[in-house]
Every structure is written in C-alpha cells, then in structure tokens.
Amino acid sequence: MPTAIKGLYAITPEHSDTATLLALIRQALQGGAQLVQYRSKSENIALKHAQASELLTLCRDFHVPLIINDDVRLAALIDADGVHLGETDPALQEARINLGPDKIIGISCYQDLDRAVRIAAQGADYVAFGSFYPSSTKPQAPLCPLGLLTLAKAKLHIPVVAIGGITTANAPDLIQAGADAVAVISALFDAPNIELAAHIFSSMFATKH
C-alpha cells in the first residue's frame, strides 16, 4: 500500500475562496490530520485545479497525502496522491490505469460489506463505510450499524474508514469498533478552534494498536 491510512481524515468544506480554504486546511494539518480529501462540487474547472494544486503543495509540506474526491482526471493532472471514488464514479481498474500502481485509491462502500470484499480483491487501498450518524453533508444517507466496522475488519486486509456525522463525542465508538480512520467535515471545520478539534480527533488514535 502506498501509505498508511489511519487517524483523522479531513475532508475539505466547499469554499470558493482559495486562500480561506488553505488557511482552514493548514489548521487541520497543524492539529494532526493524517489525510486530506479535496471534495468540491463546483463546476468551475479552473477553480478546482487551482485549489487542488495549492492544497497539494500544502499537504506535501506536512508530508500528508492529498486525495481527490471523484475526479480521476484532476488527480492525474496535478499528480495528487490518490482518488476517492463512489458508486457512480469511474471503476477502480480505470482509475488504477490512469493513476498508476503507487497512488491511493479509496472506494465508498456505504453499508455494503460484500461490495467492500469485492473492491478489496480488485486492489483498492482502503474502503469507506457510512453514514454512521446523521450528516448535514448527506442528510438522506442511510445509517450504518457500528457492527459493520467490526465485521469489515475481520474480513478485509485493507484499512477501513468511517464517515458520516462523526464528532469528537462519537468517534471513540467507531475507533473501538474497528475504524482505522475517521473522515470528518463539519465537526472539524465548523469547530471554534479547528487545530484543537483536529488534535482531539488525532489523539484518539494514539492508543489504538
């Protein structure tokens, strides 16, 4: 696997101002975020390229991988560290051909353990399950039981990421159930002190073996 997938996985909030976005992510990195995912639903291709490129430089300064959500072409164009794909995104094999063997490819598996097993066999670097709690980002997403993480860890040889409505209050339960990483947007970037929130999330993994 190209890099360890563990700890706090920061997912970028939507922000049209690149300088502000970079400042937010810098705080998360200073607090200990171990991965960053650039997630933007903007149709402004030039803005997305500019933001992703600058985020990549910032993440490299912290020796933290930058993963691009959904967009294999953008990931290849800026030489990002990997891509995260959902159900309707390009196939894993297509992404691997475009990005090469050394890039991280993560796949959303929602509540589907069988899908995760298939995806792992095809060479994914990690799988993500969720939502585990109600999420403002995807309010209609069905909820996952905590036990799915435990089952996944027993069946899979790759890291398991939990996502969806995760806060500093409920993250310990997910980690205890088997999550190698927790992907967070709102509870991180809406916090009064982003660096402190990142530190609290990150410290939860310090005792995980």
N, C-alpha and C. Protein backbone atom coordinates (compact mmCIF):
# COMPACT_ATOMS: atom_id res chain seq x y z
N MET A 1 0.85 -1.19 0.00
CA MET A 1 0.00 0.00 0.00
C MET A 1 0.88 1.24 0.00
N PRO A 2 0.49 2.28 -0.75
CA PRO A 2 1.36 3.45 -0.89
C PRO A 2 1.64 4.17 0.42
N THR A 3 0.67 4.26 1.32
CA THR A 3 0.87 4.97 2.57
C THR A 3 -0.11 4.44 3.60
N ALA A 4 0.15 4.72 4.85
CA ALA A 4 -0.76 4.27 5.90
C ALA A 4 -2.02 5.11 5.89
N ILE A 5 -3.16 4.45 5.97
CA ILE A 5 -4.46 5.13 6.05
C ILE A 5 -4.92 4.99 7.50
N LYS A 6 -4.75 6.07 8.26
CA LYS A 6 -5.11 5.98 9.67
C LYS A 6 -5.29 7.39 10.24
N GLY A 7 -6.03 7.46 11.33
CA GLY A 7 -6.18 8.72 12.03
C GLY A 7 -7.28 9.60 11.47
N LEU A 8 -7.08 10.90 11.63
CA LEU A 8 -8.07 11.88 11.17
C LEU A 8 -7.92 12.12 9.67
N TYR A 9 -9.02 11.91 8.95
CA TYR A 9 -9.09 12.08 7.51
C TYR A 9 -9.95 13.32 7.26
N ALA A 10 -9.31 14.45 7.00
CA ALA A 10 -10.02 15.73 6.85
C ALA A 10 -10.56 15.87 5.42
N ILE A 11 -11.85 16.11 5.31
CA ILE A 11 -12.47 16.34 4.00
C ILE A 11 -12.79 17.83 3.88
N THR A 12 -12.35 18.44 2.80
CA THR A 12 -12.46 19.88 2.67
C THR A 12 -13.91 20.34 2.58
N PRO A 13 -14.23 21.46 3.23
CA PRO A 13 -15.54 22.08 3.04
C PRO A 13 -15.56 22.81 1.70
N GLU A 14 -16.77 23.05 1.19
CA GLU A 14 -16.90 23.84 -0.04
C GLU A 14 -16.49 25.28 0.26
N HIS A 15 -15.57 25.82 -0.53
CA HIS A 15 -15.16 27.20 -0.32
C HIS A 15 -14.61 27.76 -1.63
N SER A 16 -15.22 28.84 -2.12
CA SER A 16 -14.77 29.41 -3.39
C SER A 16 -13.51 30.25 -3.24
N ASP A 17 -13.21 30.69 -2.01
CA ASP A 17 -12.01 31.49 -1.78
C ASP A 17 -10.85 30.57 -1.41
N THR A 18 -9.89 30.47 -2.30
CA THR A 18 -8.80 29.51 -2.13
C THR A 18 -7.94 29.82 -0.91
N ALA A 19 -7.67 31.07 -0.68
CA ALA A 19 -6.83 31.44 0.46
C ALA A 19 -7.48 31.03 1.77
N THR A 20 -8.78 31.24 1.86
CA THR A 20 -9.51 30.84 3.08
C THR A 20 -9.50 29.32 3.24
N LEU A 21 -9.73 28.61 2.14
CA LEU A 21 -9.70 27.15 2.19
C LEU A 21 -8.35 26.64 2.66
N LEU A 22 -7.29 27.19 2.13
CA LEU A 22 -5.94 26.78 2.52
C LEU A 22 -5.68 27.05 4.01
N ALA A 23 -6.17 28.17 4.49
CA ALA A 23 -5.99 28.50 5.90
C ALA A 23 -6.70 27.50 6.80
N LEU A 24 -7.89 27.07 6.39
CA LEU A 24 -8.64 26.08 7.16
C LEU A 24 -7.91 24.74 7.19
N ILE A 25 -7.43 24.32 6.03
CA ILE A 25 -6.75 23.02 5.95
C ILE A 25 -5.42 23.06 6.70
N ARG A 26 -4.74 24.18 6.65
CA ARG A 26 -3.49 24.30 7.39
C ARG A 26 -3.73 24.07 8.89
N GLN A 27 -4.81 24.63 9.42
CA GLN A 27 -5.13 24.44 10.83
C GLN A 27 -5.37 22.96 11.15
N ALA A 28 -6.10 22.28 10.24
CA ALA A 28 -6.35 20.85 10.45
C ALA A 28 -5.06 20.05 10.43
N LEU A 29 -4.16 20.39 9.52
CA LEU A 29 -2.87 19.71 9.43
C LEU A 29 -2.01 19.98 10.66
N GLN A 30 -2.04 21.21 11.12
CA GLN A 30 -1.28 21.54 12.33
C GLN A 30 -1.81 20.78 13.54
N GLY A 31 -3.09 20.45 13.51
CA GLY A 31 -3.69 19.69 14.60
C GLY A 31 -3.47 18.19 14.50
N GLY A 32 -2.93 17.73 13.36
CA GLY A 32 -2.60 16.31 13.26
C GLY A 32 -3.36 15.50 12.23
N ALA A 33 -4.11 16.14 11.34
CA ALA A 33 -4.80 15.38 10.28
C ALA A 33 -3.78 14.57 9.49
N GLN A 34 -4.12 13.31 9.23
CA GLN A 34 -3.19 12.40 8.56
C GLN A 34 -3.46 12.22 7.07
N LEU A 35 -4.66 12.63 6.63
CA LEU A 35 -5.00 12.61 5.22
C LEU A 35 -5.93 13.79 4.96
N VAL A 36 -5.90 14.30 3.72
CA VAL A 36 -6.83 15.35 3.31
C VAL A 36 -7.48 14.91 2.00
N GLN A 37 -8.80 15.08 1.94
CA GLN A 37 -9.52 14.81 0.70
C GLN A 37 -10.10 16.12 0.18
N TYR A 38 -9.75 16.46 -1.06
CA TYR A 38 -10.34 17.64 -1.71
C TYR A 38 -11.66 17.24 -2.33
N ARG A 39 -12.73 17.79 -1.76
CA ARG A 39 -14.09 17.48 -2.22
C ARG A 39 -14.75 18.78 -2.64
N SER A 40 -15.05 18.91 -3.92
CA SER A 40 -15.70 20.11 -4.44
C SER A 40 -16.72 19.72 -5.49
N LYS A 41 -17.91 20.25 -5.33
CA LYS A 41 -18.98 20.00 -6.31
C LYS A 41 -19.10 21.16 -7.30
N SER A 42 -18.14 22.08 -7.25
CA SER A 42 -18.14 23.22 -8.18
C SER A 42 -17.95 22.74 -9.61
N GLU A 43 -18.58 23.45 -10.55
CA GLU A 43 -18.39 23.15 -11.96
C GLU A 43 -17.31 24.05 -12.58
N ASN A 44 -16.67 24.84 -11.74
CA ASN A 44 -15.58 25.72 -12.19
C ASN A 44 -14.29 24.93 -12.23
N ILE A 45 -13.94 24.44 -13.40
CA ILE A 45 -12.79 23.55 -13.56
C ILE A 45 -11.49 24.27 -13.19
N ALA A 46 -11.37 25.53 -13.58
CA ALA A 46 -10.15 26.28 -13.28
C ALA A 46 -9.98 26.47 -11.78
N LEU A 47 -11.08 26.75 -11.09
CA LEU A 47 -11.01 26.91 -9.63
C LEU A 47 -10.61 25.61 -8.97
N LYS A 48 -11.20 24.51 -9.40
CA LYS A 48 -10.88 23.21 -8.80
C LYS A 48 -9.41 22.86 -9.02
N HIS A 49 -8.90 23.14 -10.21
CA HIS A 49 -7.49 22.85 -10.50
C HIS A 49 -6.59 23.70 -9.62
N ALA A 50 -6.93 24.98 -9.48
CA ALA A 50 -6.11 25.88 -8.67
C ALA A 50 -6.13 25.47 -7.19
N GLN A 51 -7.32 25.17 -6.69
CA GLN A 51 -7.42 24.78 -5.28
C GLN A 51 -6.70 23.47 -5.01
N ALA A 52 -6.92 22.49 -5.87
CA ALA A 52 -6.29 21.19 -5.67
C ALA A 52 -4.77 21.31 -5.74
N SER A 53 -4.27 22.10 -6.67
CA SER A 53 -2.82 22.27 -6.82
C SER A 53 -2.21 22.90 -5.58
N GLU A 54 -2.86 23.94 -5.07
CA GLU A 54 -2.32 24.61 -3.89
C GLU A 54 -2.45 23.74 -2.64
N LEU A 55 -3.54 22.98 -2.56
CA LEU A 55 -3.69 22.05 -1.44
C LEU A 55 -2.61 20.97 -1.47
N LEU A 56 -2.26 20.53 -2.66
CA LEU A 56 -1.23 19.51 -2.79
C LEU A 56 0.11 20.03 -2.25
N THR A 57 0.44 21.26 -2.60
CA THR A 57 1.68 21.87 -2.09
C THR A 57 1.65 21.95 -0.57
N LEU A 58 0.52 22.38 -0.02
CA LEU A 58 0.38 22.48 1.43
C LEU A 58 0.51 21.12 2.09
N CYS A 59 -0.17 20.13 1.54
CA CYS A 59 -0.11 18.78 2.13
C CYS A 59 1.29 18.20 2.05
N ARG A 60 2.00 18.49 0.97
CA ARG A 60 3.37 17.99 0.85
C ARG A 60 4.26 18.59 1.94
N ASP A 61 3.99 19.86 2.29
CA ASP A 61 4.77 20.50 3.36
C ASP A 61 4.60 19.75 4.68
N PHE A 62 3.44 19.12 4.87
CA PHE A 62 3.15 18.39 6.11
C PHE A 62 3.34 16.88 5.94
N HIS A 63 3.79 16.45 4.75
CA HIS A 63 4.00 15.02 4.45
C HIS A 63 2.71 14.23 4.66
N VAL A 64 1.62 14.82 4.20
CA VAL A 64 0.30 14.21 4.32
C VAL A 64 -0.28 14.02 2.92
N PRO A 65 -0.87 12.84 2.61
CA PRO A 65 -1.42 12.62 1.27
C PRO A 65 -2.64 13.49 0.99
N LEU A 66 -2.74 13.95 -0.26
CA LEU A 66 -3.94 14.63 -0.74
C LEU A 66 -4.69 13.69 -1.68
N ILE A 67 -5.92 13.41 -1.33
CA ILE A 67 -6.80 12.55 -2.12
C ILE A 67 -7.84 13.43 -2.80
N ILE A 68 -8.12 13.17 -4.06
CA ILE A 68 -9.13 13.93 -4.80
C ILE A 68 -10.43 13.13 -4.83
N ASN A 69 -11.52 13.78 -4.47
CA ASN A 69 -12.83 13.11 -4.49
C ASN A 69 -13.37 13.05 -5.92
N ASP A 70 -13.70 11.87 -6.35
CA ASP A 70 -14.45 11.61 -7.60
C ASP A 70 -13.66 11.80 -8.90
N ASP A 71 -12.75 12.75 -8.96
CA ASP A 71 -12.21 13.24 -10.22
C ASP A 71 -10.84 12.63 -10.54
N VAL A 72 -10.84 11.53 -11.26
CA VAL A 72 -9.59 10.84 -11.62
C VAL A 72 -8.73 11.73 -12.51
N ARG A 73 -9.37 12.46 -13.42
CA ARG A 73 -8.61 13.32 -14.35
C ARG A 73 -7.87 14.40 -13.58
N LEU A 74 -8.54 15.04 -12.63
CA LEU A 74 -7.89 16.08 -11.84
C LEU A 74 -6.75 15.50 -11.01
N ALA A 75 -6.98 14.34 -10.43
CA ALA A 75 -5.94 13.69 -9.62
C ALA A 75 -4.70 13.41 -10.47
N ALA A 76 -4.91 12.94 -11.69
CA ALA A 76 -3.78 12.65 -12.58
C ALA A 76 -3.09 13.93 -13.02
N LEU A 77 -3.89 14.96 -13.30
CA LEU A 77 -3.38 16.22 -13.83
C LEU A 77 -2.42 16.91 -12.86
N ILE A 78 -2.76 16.89 -11.57
CA ILE A 78 -1.90 17.58 -10.59
C ILE A 78 -0.95 16.63 -9.88
N ASP A 79 -1.01 15.34 -10.24
CA ASP A 79 -0.19 14.31 -9.60
C ASP A 79 -0.49 14.22 -8.11
N ALA A 80 -1.79 14.22 -7.78
CA ALA A 80 -2.22 14.04 -6.39
C ALA A 80 -1.83 12.65 -5.90
N ASP A 81 -1.99 12.43 -4.62
CA ASP A 81 -1.56 11.15 -4.04
C ASP A 81 -2.59 10.04 -4.24
N GLY A 82 -3.80 10.42 -4.67
CA GLY A 82 -4.79 9.38 -4.90
C GLY A 82 -6.16 9.96 -5.18
N VAL A 83 -7.14 9.06 -5.21
CA VAL A 83 -8.51 9.45 -5.54
C VAL A 83 -9.47 8.63 -4.68
N HIS A 84 -10.61 9.25 -4.37
CA HIS A 84 -11.67 8.53 -3.67
C HIS A 84 -12.88 8.46 -4.58
N LEU A 85 -13.41 7.26 -4.77
CA LEU A 85 -14.48 7.04 -5.73
C LEU A 85 -15.74 6.52 -5.04
N GLY A 86 -16.89 6.94 -5.58
CA GLY A 86 -18.18 6.48 -5.09
C GLY A 86 -18.81 5.48 -6.04
N GLU A 87 -20.07 5.24 -5.84
CA GLU A 87 -20.78 4.20 -6.59
C GLU A 87 -20.90 4.53 -8.06
N THR A 88 -21.05 5.81 -8.39
CA THR A 88 -21.27 6.20 -9.79
C THR A 88 -20.03 6.76 -10.45
N ASP A 89 -18.89 6.69 -9.77
CA ASP A 89 -17.64 7.22 -10.31
C ASP A 89 -16.94 6.16 -11.18
N PRO A 90 -15.84 6.54 -11.84
CA PRO A 90 -15.13 5.56 -12.68
C PRO A 90 -14.71 4.31 -11.90
N ALA A 91 -14.62 3.21 -12.61
CA ALA A 91 -14.27 1.94 -11.98
C ALA A 91 -12.85 1.98 -11.42
N LEU A 92 -12.64 1.16 -10.41
CA LEU A 92 -11.33 1.10 -9.77
C LEU A 92 -10.24 0.77 -10.78
N GLN A 93 -10.51 -0.19 -11.66
CA GLN A 93 -9.48 -0.57 -12.63
C GLN A 93 -9.12 0.58 -13.56
N GLU A 94 -10.13 1.35 -13.96
CA GLU A 94 -9.88 2.51 -14.83
C GLU A 94 -9.03 3.55 -14.10
N ALA A 95 -9.36 3.78 -12.83
CA ALA A 95 -8.59 4.74 -12.04
C ALA A 95 -7.15 4.28 -11.88
N ARG A 96 -6.95 2.99 -11.66
CA ARG A 96 -5.60 2.44 -11.48
C ARG A 96 -4.78 2.61 -12.76
N ILE A 97 -5.39 2.38 -13.90
CA ILE A 97 -4.69 2.55 -15.17
C ILE A 97 -4.25 4.00 -15.36
N ASN A 98 -5.15 4.92 -15.01
CA ASN A 98 -4.87 6.35 -15.20
C ASN A 98 -3.88 6.90 -14.19
N LEU A 99 -3.90 6.39 -12.97
CA LEU A 99 -3.08 6.96 -11.90
C LEU A 99 -1.79 6.18 -11.64
N GLY A 100 -1.79 4.90 -11.98
CA GLY A 100 -0.59 4.10 -11.75
C GLY A 100 -0.64 3.31 -10.45
N PRO A 101 0.30 2.41 -10.26
CA PRO A 101 0.26 1.48 -9.13
C PRO A 101 0.57 2.09 -7.78
N ASP A 102 1.19 3.27 -7.76
CA ASP A 102 1.65 3.83 -6.49
C ASP A 102 0.70 4.83 -5.86
N LYS A 103 -0.44 5.07 -6.50
CA LYS A 103 -1.39 6.02 -5.95
C LYS A 103 -2.44 5.33 -5.07
N ILE A 104 -2.99 6.10 -4.15
CA ILE A 104 -4.01 5.59 -3.24
C ILE A 104 -5.37 5.64 -3.92
N ILE A 105 -6.10 4.53 -3.90
CA ILE A 105 -7.47 4.52 -4.40
C ILE A 105 -8.39 4.01 -3.30
N GLY A 106 -9.28 4.89 -2.86
CA GLY A 106 -10.26 4.53 -1.85
C GLY A 106 -11.64 4.47 -2.47
N ILE A 107 -12.47 3.61 -1.93
CA ILE A 107 -13.80 3.37 -2.51
C ILE A 107 -14.87 3.45 -1.42
N SER A 108 -15.94 4.20 -1.70
CA SER A 108 -17.10 4.21 -0.81
C SER A 108 -17.89 2.92 -0.96
N CYS A 109 -18.16 2.28 0.17
CA CYS A 109 -18.94 1.04 0.14
C CYS A 109 -20.26 1.17 0.91
N TYR A 110 -20.52 2.34 1.45
CA TYR A 110 -21.81 2.66 2.08
C TYR A 110 -22.12 1.69 3.21
N GLN A 111 -23.14 0.83 3.02
CA GLN A 111 -23.45 -0.18 4.04
C GLN A 111 -23.21 -1.60 3.52
N ASP A 112 -22.45 -1.70 2.44
CA ASP A 112 -22.36 -2.96 1.69
C ASP A 112 -21.00 -3.66 1.92
N LEU A 113 -20.99 -4.63 2.82
CA LEU A 113 -19.75 -5.36 3.11
C LEU A 113 -19.33 -6.22 1.93
N ASP A 114 -20.28 -6.81 1.22
CA ASP A 114 -19.94 -7.64 0.06
C ASP A 114 -19.23 -6.81 -1.01
N ARG A 115 -19.71 -5.60 -1.22
CA ARG A 115 -19.04 -4.70 -2.17
C ARG A 115 -17.60 -4.44 -1.71
N ALA A 116 -17.42 -4.23 -0.41
CA ALA A 116 -16.08 -3.96 0.12
C ALA A 116 -15.14 -5.14 -0.12
N VAL A 117 -15.65 -6.34 0.07
CA VAL A 117 -14.84 -7.54 -0.16
C VAL A 117 -14.42 -7.62 -1.63
N ARG A 118 -15.35 -7.36 -2.53
CA ARG A 118 -15.03 -7.37 -3.97
C ARG A 118 -14.01 -6.30 -4.32
N ILE A 119 -14.22 -5.11 -3.79
CA ILE A 119 -13.34 -3.98 -4.08
C ILE A 119 -11.93 -4.24 -3.56
N ALA A 120 -11.85 -4.81 -2.36
CA ALA A 120 -10.54 -5.14 -1.79
C ALA A 120 -9.79 -6.14 -2.67
N ALA A 121 -10.53 -7.11 -3.18
CA ALA A 121 -9.91 -8.13 -4.04
C ALA A 121 -9.42 -7.53 -5.36
N GLN A 122 -10.04 -6.42 -5.77
CA GLN A 122 -9.65 -5.76 -7.02
C GLN A 122 -8.47 -4.81 -6.85
N GLY A 123 -8.05 -4.60 -5.58
CA GLY A 123 -6.85 -3.80 -5.36
C GLY A 123 -7.05 -2.42 -4.78
N ALA A 124 -8.21 -2.17 -4.17
CA ALA A 124 -8.40 -0.87 -3.50
C ALA A 124 -7.43 -0.75 -2.33
N ASP A 125 -7.05 0.47 -2.01
CA ASP A 125 -6.14 0.70 -0.89
C ASP A 125 -6.87 0.91 0.43
N TYR A 126 -8.11 1.33 0.37
CA TYR A 126 -8.96 1.39 1.56
C TYR A 126 -10.42 1.43 1.13
N VAL A 127 -11.32 1.12 2.05
CA VAL A 127 -12.76 1.25 1.80
C VAL A 127 -13.35 2.14 2.88
N ALA A 128 -14.45 2.81 2.53
CA ALA A 128 -15.13 3.68 3.47
C ALA A 128 -16.58 3.24 3.63
N PHE A 129 -17.04 3.23 4.87
CA PHE A 129 -18.44 2.90 5.17
C PHE A 129 -19.11 4.11 5.82
N GLY A 130 -20.41 4.26 5.60
CA GLY A 130 -21.16 5.34 6.22
C GLY A 130 -22.48 5.56 5.50
N SER A 131 -23.32 6.43 6.04
CA SER A 131 -23.07 7.25 7.22
C SER A 131 -23.36 6.48 8.51
N PHE A 132 -22.56 6.75 9.53
CA PHE A 132 -22.80 6.12 10.81
C PHE A 132 -23.73 6.94 11.69
N TYR A 133 -23.77 8.24 11.43
CA TYR A 133 -24.65 9.14 12.17
C TYR A 133 -25.26 10.12 11.17
N PRO A 134 -26.37 10.76 11.52
CA PRO A 134 -26.96 11.74 10.61
C PRO A 134 -25.93 12.80 10.20
N SER A 135 -25.91 13.11 8.90
CA SER A 135 -24.88 14.01 8.36
C SER A 135 -25.52 15.18 7.63
N SER A 136 -25.03 16.37 7.91
CA SER A 136 -25.53 17.55 7.20
C SER A 136 -25.06 17.57 5.75
N THR A 137 -23.95 16.88 5.46
CA THR A 137 -23.43 16.83 4.10
C THR A 137 -24.30 15.95 3.21
N LYS A 138 -24.72 14.79 3.76
CA LYS A 138 -25.60 13.88 3.02
C LYS A 138 -26.75 13.46 3.94
N PRO A 139 -27.73 14.37 4.14
CA PRO A 139 -28.79 14.11 5.12
C PRO A 139 -29.68 12.91 4.79
N GLN A 140 -29.74 12.52 3.53
CA GLN A 140 -30.60 11.40 3.14
C GLN A 140 -29.90 10.04 3.18
N ALA A 141 -28.62 10.04 3.54
CA ALA A 141 -27.86 8.78 3.51
C ALA A 141 -28.37 7.81 4.57
N PRO A 142 -28.60 6.55 4.20
CA PRO A 142 -28.98 5.54 5.20
C PRO A 142 -27.87 5.37 6.23
N LEU A 143 -28.25 4.96 7.43
CA LEU A 143 -27.26 4.82 8.50
C LEU A 143 -26.70 3.41 8.57
N CYS A 144 -25.42 3.34 8.94
CA CYS A 144 -24.70 2.07 9.11
C CYS A 144 -24.70 1.68 10.59
N PRO A 145 -24.77 0.38 10.87
CA PRO A 145 -24.57 -0.07 12.25
C PRO A 145 -23.08 -0.12 12.58
N LEU A 146 -22.73 0.15 13.82
CA LEU A 146 -21.34 0.08 14.24
C LEU A 146 -20.72 -1.29 13.98
N GLY A 147 -21.52 -2.32 14.12
CA GLY A 147 -21.01 -3.67 13.95
C GLY A 147 -20.45 -3.94 12.57
N LEU A 148 -20.84 -3.13 11.59
CA LEU A 148 -20.31 -3.32 10.23
C LEU A 148 -18.79 -3.12 10.21
N LEU A 149 -18.30 -2.19 11.02
CA LEU A 149 -16.85 -1.97 11.09
C LEU A 149 -16.13 -3.20 11.62
N THR A 150 -16.68 -3.80 12.64
CA THR A 150 -16.07 -4.99 13.23
C THR A 150 -16.05 -6.14 12.24
N LEU A 151 -17.16 -6.32 11.54
CA LEU A 151 -17.24 -7.38 10.52
C LEU A 151 -16.24 -7.11 9.40
N ALA A 152 -16.14 -5.84 8.99
CA ALA A 152 -15.23 -5.49 7.90
C ALA A 152 -13.78 -5.76 8.29
N LYS A 153 -13.40 -5.40 9.51
CA LYS A 153 -12.03 -5.62 9.95
C LYS A 153 -11.69 -7.10 10.00
N ALA A 154 -12.69 -7.93 10.28
CA ALA A 154 -12.46 -9.37 10.34
C ALA A 154 -12.29 -9.97 8.94
N LYS A 155 -12.88 -9.33 7.92
CA LYS A 155 -12.87 -9.90 6.57
C LYS A 155 -11.85 -9.28 5.63
N LEU A 156 -11.46 -8.04 5.92
CA LEU A 156 -10.65 -7.30 4.96
C LEU A 156 -9.20 -7.16 5.43
N HIS A 157 -8.30 -7.06 4.47
CA HIS A 157 -6.88 -6.88 4.77
C HIS A 157 -6.44 -5.45 4.51
N ILE A 158 -7.38 -4.56 4.21
CA ILE A 158 -7.05 -3.16 3.93
C ILE A 158 -7.73 -2.26 4.96
N PRO A 159 -7.26 -1.02 5.11
CA PRO A 159 -7.85 -0.12 6.11
C PRO A 159 -9.31 0.19 5.85
N VAL A 160 -10.01 0.47 6.94
CA VAL A 160 -11.44 0.77 6.91
C VAL A 160 -11.64 2.18 7.45
N VAL A 161 -12.34 3.01 6.68
CA VAL A 161 -12.60 4.39 7.05
C VAL A 161 -14.09 4.55 7.37
N ALA A 162 -14.39 5.25 8.45
CA ALA A 162 -15.77 5.57 8.81
C ALA A 162 -16.07 7.01 8.44
N ILE A 163 -17.29 7.26 7.96
CA ILE A 163 -17.68 8.61 7.56
C ILE A 163 -19.14 8.84 7.87
N GLY A 164 -19.50 10.11 8.07
CA GLY A 164 -20.90 10.46 8.22
C GLY A 164 -21.30 10.87 9.61
N GLY A 165 -21.42 12.17 9.84
CA GLY A 165 -21.89 12.68 11.12
C GLY A 165 -20.95 12.46 12.28
N ILE A 166 -19.67 12.30 12.00
CA ILE A 166 -18.71 11.95 13.06
C ILE A 166 -18.31 13.20 13.84
N THR A 167 -18.32 13.07 15.16
CA THR A 167 -17.94 14.15 16.07
C THR A 167 -16.90 13.63 17.06
N THR A 168 -16.35 14.54 17.86
CA THR A 168 -15.40 14.09 18.89
C THR A 168 -16.11 13.25 19.94
N ALA A 169 -17.42 13.37 20.05
CA ALA A 169 -18.17 12.59 21.04
C ALA A 169 -18.41 11.15 20.59
N ASN A 170 -18.68 10.95 19.29
CA ASN A 170 -18.99 9.59 18.84
C ASN A 170 -17.83 8.87 18.16
N ALA A 171 -16.78 9.59 17.82
CA ALA A 171 -15.63 8.96 17.14
C ALA A 171 -15.02 7.80 17.94
N PRO A 172 -14.89 7.91 19.28
CA PRO A 172 -14.29 6.79 20.03
C PRO A 172 -15.03 5.46 19.82
N ASP A 173 -16.34 5.50 19.67
CA ASP A 173 -17.10 4.27 19.44
C ASP A 173 -16.74 3.65 18.10
N LEU A 174 -16.55 4.49 17.09
CA LEU A 174 -16.17 4.00 15.76
C LEU A 174 -14.78 3.40 15.77
N ILE A 175 -13.87 4.05 16.46
CA ILE A 175 -12.49 3.55 16.55
C ILE A 175 -12.46 2.22 17.30
N GLN A 176 -13.23 2.16 18.39
CA GLN A 176 -13.31 0.93 19.17
C GLN A 176 -13.88 -0.21 18.33
N ALA A 177 -14.83 0.12 17.45
CA ALA A 177 -15.46 -0.90 16.61
C ALA A 177 -14.55 -1.37 15.48
N GLY A 178 -13.49 -0.59 15.18
CA GLY A 178 -12.54 -1.05 14.18
C GLY A 178 -12.11 -0.04 13.14
N ALA A 179 -12.64 1.17 13.17
CA ALA A 179 -12.26 2.17 12.16
C ALA A 179 -10.77 2.52 12.26
N ASP A 180 -10.07 2.42 11.14
CA ASP A 180 -8.66 2.83 11.09
C ASP A 180 -8.52 4.33 10.94
N ALA A 181 -9.55 4.96 10.37
CA ALA A 181 -9.56 6.40 10.17
C ALA A 181 -11.00 6.89 10.25
N VAL A 182 -11.16 8.17 10.64
CA VAL A 182 -12.50 8.79 10.61
C VAL A 182 -12.43 9.99 9.69
N ALA A 183 -13.36 10.04 8.75
CA ALA A 183 -13.43 11.14 7.78
C ALA A 183 -14.42 12.17 8.29
N VAL A 184 -13.96 13.42 8.40
CA VAL A 184 -14.75 14.45 9.08
C VAL A 184 -14.74 15.74 8.27
N ILE A 185 -15.92 16.37 8.19
CA ILE A 185 -16.02 17.71 7.60
C ILE A 185 -16.52 18.69 8.67
N SER A 186 -17.81 18.61 8.98
CA SER A 186 -18.46 19.64 9.80
C SER A 186 -17.88 19.76 11.20
N ALA A 187 -17.70 18.63 11.89
CA ALA A 187 -17.22 18.69 13.27
C ALA A 187 -15.79 19.21 13.36
N LEU A 188 -15.11 19.22 12.24
CA LEU A 188 -13.74 19.75 12.20
C LEU A 188 -13.75 21.22 11.79
N PHE A 189 -14.35 21.51 10.63
CA PHE A 189 -14.22 22.85 10.08
C PHE A 189 -15.26 23.84 10.60
N ASP A 190 -16.28 23.36 11.30
CA ASP A 190 -17.21 24.26 11.98
C ASP A 190 -16.83 24.47 13.44
N ALA A 191 -15.76 23.83 13.87
CA ALA A 191 -15.32 23.97 15.27
C ALA A 191 -14.76 25.37 15.52
N PRO A 192 -14.93 25.89 16.74
CA PRO A 192 -14.38 27.20 17.06
C PRO A 192 -12.86 27.26 16.91
N ASN A 193 -12.21 26.13 17.17
CA ASN A 193 -10.76 26.04 17.04
C ASN A 193 -10.45 24.77 16.25
N ILE A 194 -10.19 24.95 14.95
CA ILE A 194 -10.00 23.80 14.07
C ILE A 194 -8.78 22.98 14.46
N GLU A 195 -7.70 23.65 14.79
CA GLU A 195 -6.48 22.93 15.17
C GLU A 195 -6.70 22.09 16.41
N LEU A 196 -7.41 22.64 17.38
CA LEU A 196 -7.70 21.90 18.61
C LEU A 196 -8.61 20.71 18.33
N ALA A 197 -9.63 20.91 17.49
CA ALA A 197 -10.53 19.82 17.14
C ALA A 197 -9.76 18.69 16.44
N ALA A 198 -8.87 19.07 15.53
CA ALA A 198 -8.05 18.07 14.84
C ALA A 198 -7.17 17.32 15.82
N HIS A 199 -6.62 18.04 16.78
CA HIS A 199 -5.77 17.41 17.79
C HIS A 199 -6.56 16.41 18.63
N ILE A 200 -7.79 16.77 18.99
CA ILE A 200 -8.63 15.87 19.79
C ILE A 200 -8.95 14.61 19.01
N PHE A 201 -9.35 14.77 17.75
CA PHE A 201 -9.62 13.59 16.91
C PHE A 201 -8.36 12.73 16.79
N SER A 202 -7.24 13.36 16.49
CA SER A 202 -6.00 12.62 16.26
C SER A 202 -5.53 11.87 17.49
N SER A 203 -5.71 12.48 18.65
CA SER A 203 -5.24 11.86 19.89
C SER A 203 -6.00 10.59 20.21
N MET A 204 -7.20 10.44 19.66
CA MET A 204 -7.98 9.23 19.90
C MET A 204 -7.32 7.98 19.31
N PHE A 205 -6.45 8.18 18.34
CA PHE A 205 -5.78 7.05 17.69
C PHE A 205 -4.46 6.70 18.34
N ALA A 206 -4.02 7.52 19.28
CA ALA A 206 -2.70 7.32 19.88
C ALA A 206 -2.59 5.99 20.62
N THR A 207 -3.70 5.53 21.19
CA THR A 207 -3.67 4.29 21.95
C THR A 207 -4.22 3.12 21.16
N LYS A 208 -4.56 3.34 19.87
CA LYS A 208 -5.10 2.26 19.05
C LYS A 208 -3.95 1.41 18.52
N HIS A 209 -4.07 0.11 18.72
CA HIS A 209 -3.00 -0.79 18.26
C HIS A 209 -3.52 -1.67 17.14
